[in-house]
């Protein structure tokens, strides 16, 4: 789901989250 990642996960994988956002944006 969209809320699969917790705030901690997002903080740890900041770069990965950014990548996902970019992919979703496309």
N, C-alpha and C. Protein backbone atom coordinates (compact mmCIF):
# COMPACT_ATOMS: atom_id res chain seq x y z
N UNK A 1 0.82 -1.21 0.00
CA UNK A 1 0.00 0.00 0.00
C UNK A 1 0.85 1.26 0.00
N UNK A 2 0.20 2.38 0.00
CA UNK A 2 0.93 3.65 0.00
C UNK A 2 1.57 3.90 1.36
N UNK A 3 0.88 3.48 2.42
CA UNK A 3 1.40 3.70 3.77
C UNK A 3 2.21 2.51 4.26
N UNK A 4 2.85 1.82 3.34
CA UNK A 4 3.62 0.64 3.70
C UNK A 4 4.90 1.04 4.42
N UNK A 5 5.39 2.24 4.09
CA UNK A 5 6.64 2.69 4.70
C UNK A 5 6.35 3.63 5.86
N UNK A 6 7.01 3.36 6.99
CA UNK A 6 6.83 4.22 8.15
C UNK A 6 7.75 5.43 8.04
N UNK A 7 7.56 6.39 8.92
CA UNK A 7 8.40 7.59 8.87
C UNK A 7 9.87 7.22 9.06
N UNK A 8 10.12 6.24 9.90
CA UNK A 8 11.50 5.80 10.13
C UNK A 8 12.09 5.25 8.85
N UNK A 9 11.33 4.44 8.17
CA UNK A 9 11.81 3.84 6.91
C UNK A 9 12.11 4.94 5.90
N UNK A 10 11.21 5.89 5.80
CA UNK A 10 11.41 6.99 4.86
C UNK A 10 12.68 7.75 5.20
N UNK A 11 12.87 7.99 6.48
CA UNK A 11 14.06 8.73 6.91
C UNK A 11 15.32 7.95 6.57
N UNK A 12 15.27 6.64 6.78
CA UNK A 12 16.45 5.80 6.52
C UNK A 12 16.69 5.70 5.02
N UNK A 13 15.63 5.51 4.28
CA UNK A 13 15.78 5.36 2.83
C UNK A 13 15.28 6.61 2.12
N UNK A 14 15.88 7.72 2.47
CA UNK A 14 15.46 8.99 1.90
C UNK A 14 15.62 8.97 0.38
N UNK A 15 16.78 8.51 -0.08
CA UNK A 15 17.06 8.50 -1.51
C UNK A 15 16.08 7.58 -2.23
N UNK A 16 15.80 6.44 -1.63
CA UNK A 16 14.88 5.49 -2.28
C UNK A 16 13.49 6.09 -2.38
N UNK A 17 13.08 6.76 -1.32
CA UNK A 17 11.76 7.39 -1.33
C UNK A 17 11.70 8.42 -2.45
N UNK A 18 12.77 9.19 -2.58
CA UNK A 18 12.82 10.22 -3.63
C UNK A 18 12.66 9.56 -4.98
N UNK A 19 13.33 8.45 -5.17
CA UNK A 19 13.26 7.73 -6.45
C UNK A 19 11.82 7.31 -6.72
N UNK A 20 11.16 6.78 -5.70
CA UNK A 20 9.78 6.32 -5.87
C UNK A 20 8.88 7.49 -6.24
N UNK A 21 9.12 8.64 -5.58
CA UNK A 21 8.30 9.82 -5.86
C UNK A 21 8.48 10.24 -7.31
N UNK A 22 9.74 10.22 -7.77
CA UNK A 22 10.04 10.61 -9.15
C UNK A 22 9.34 9.66 -10.12
N UNK A 23 9.41 8.37 -9.81
CA UNK A 23 8.78 7.37 -10.68
C UNK A 23 7.26 7.59 -10.71
N UNK A 24 6.69 7.84 -9.54
CA UNK A 24 5.25 8.06 -9.47
C UNK A 24 4.88 9.33 -10.23
N UNK A 25 5.73 10.34 -10.12
CA UNK A 25 5.46 11.60 -10.80
C UNK A 25 5.38 11.39 -12.30
N UNK A 26 6.28 10.53 -12.80
CA UNK A 26 6.29 10.24 -14.24
C UNK A 26 4.99 9.54 -14.61
